[in-house]
Amino acid sequence: MSSIISNQPLTKLNIFSGKGIQMKTFHITWLTFFVCFFGWFGLAPLMPTIKEDLHLDKGQIGNIIIASVSATIIARLLIGKLCDTWGPRKTYTMLLLIGAIPVMCVGLAKDYTSFLLFRLAISIIGASFVITQFHTSQMFAANIKGTANAVAGGWGNLGGGVTNMVMPLIFAAIVGFGYTTHDAWRYAMIVPGIMMLVMAFFYYRFTKDTPAGNYDELNKLKAIKEKTDYSVLKDWRIWALSLAYAVCFGMEITFDNVAALHFVQEYKLSQSSAGFWAGMFGFMNIFARALGGIFADKVGKKFGMRGKGLLLAAVLLLEGFGLLMFAQAGSFAMAIFSMISFALFLKMANGTTYAITPFINEKNGGLVAGIVGAGGNLGGMMFGFLFKSKNITYIDAFSYIGYIAIAVSLIILVTRFTKSVEVMEIQSAPALA
């Protein structure tokens, strides 16, 4: 590969390659996002134990769920702006270093209030998604951007599923060494904190802001600061995508938070078994989000932004119906089948949303990515209120969210994402090589 080509965004995604700064950055950024999920949601599969240890009631657990995504809303907006100004390399390193502190210190919580505050502080880690999507967009050309974003986001989101499976095992291992359950969940959270510090070193040392180099090296910092244009907030398409992401990714992080507890309460599973089945939901990110991006790139190549919008509306509609089926599941087997069904379309919707987002306003990509990403967490926060309510069962909450997803799919259906001059996939390279 020539030096000229090596400094340009790639037009192909070879997932088995680690050559070049583009692919090196791609793999480091999704792996970092993966690790961030251990810090962000490491407490979720341990909540049955934490509930007993801290004597939490349903309302308090609901507040904790809300706190787990709340600070991320503001953090994603700020992080999106920082990506445009500082660059993704410095921004990710800073987020990892700061986020590791409450993750490792949450074990100091002695009651509901202190635990709630730690959970709120930990939630800033969710802003890692915006950096992953922004950084991936920097490394790939228009024809493959949706696929690359979906694969990076999906493999990173896979951390949510693996966390549900692994954290109960870490907890059990610590108990096996003779520690009480009171101490075990606290010591278990030190592990993801250390992982985040390790990734902070790798991110700063082995990635670059763009294929051509870092912002500082390219003397781009001043120019990038000057081009941030807040008039993009008038663009309805951004808010439509925020709504879409609220009901797909917002539901994903909500389910990551409540799934293990739901399976324990509704089907009397053990904490480790509930964590395993909850992990299956997240594990589908290994392919499902990527499918959304791949299909979106192929549809976009043939039908442009309008085609991508129709695809997004379709998968959101199917997600909604899948949620309704999950809510009405009469047995554990049916619950798992319907969970896998709605998970497939939910995660495809995630990938499709960020196959559209980078093209809304490319000069302010970080800001737009941050706004849409914040919409996902706003959805997660609002859904948390449903699971907090003493008058609404978890089953009812899942049903309501299903209806909301169907309503948002109709909004996406009537939204015109087509730009006056489309800069869609102009390359003829295959979507996945």
Foldseek 3Di string as FASTA:
>chain_A
DDPVVLLAAAAAAAQVDCDGQLNVLLVLLLVLLLLLLCLLLLCQLVVVLVCVQQVDDQLLLLLLLLLSLPLLLVLLLVLLVCCLFQFLLVSLLVLLVQLLVLLLVLLVDRHSVSNSVSSNSNNNSLSSLLSSLLQNCQRHDQLQSLLSNLQSNLSSLLSLLVSLQVSVVQLVVVVVVPDDNSNSNNNSSNVSSVVSNVSSVCSNPRHARHSNGHCVVVVCNVVSVVLADPVLVVPVVLVLLLLLLLLQLLVLSLLSNCQLVCCCVVVVDDSNVSSNLSSVLSNVSNPLSSVLSQVLSVQCVPPNPLSLLLLLLVLLLQLLVLLLQLLPDPDPVSNSVSSNRSSSSSSSNVSSSSSLLCQQDVSSSSSSSSNSSSSNSVSNSVLSVQSSDPVHHPSNSSNVSSVSSNVSSVVSNPDDSDDPDGPHNPDPDRNHD
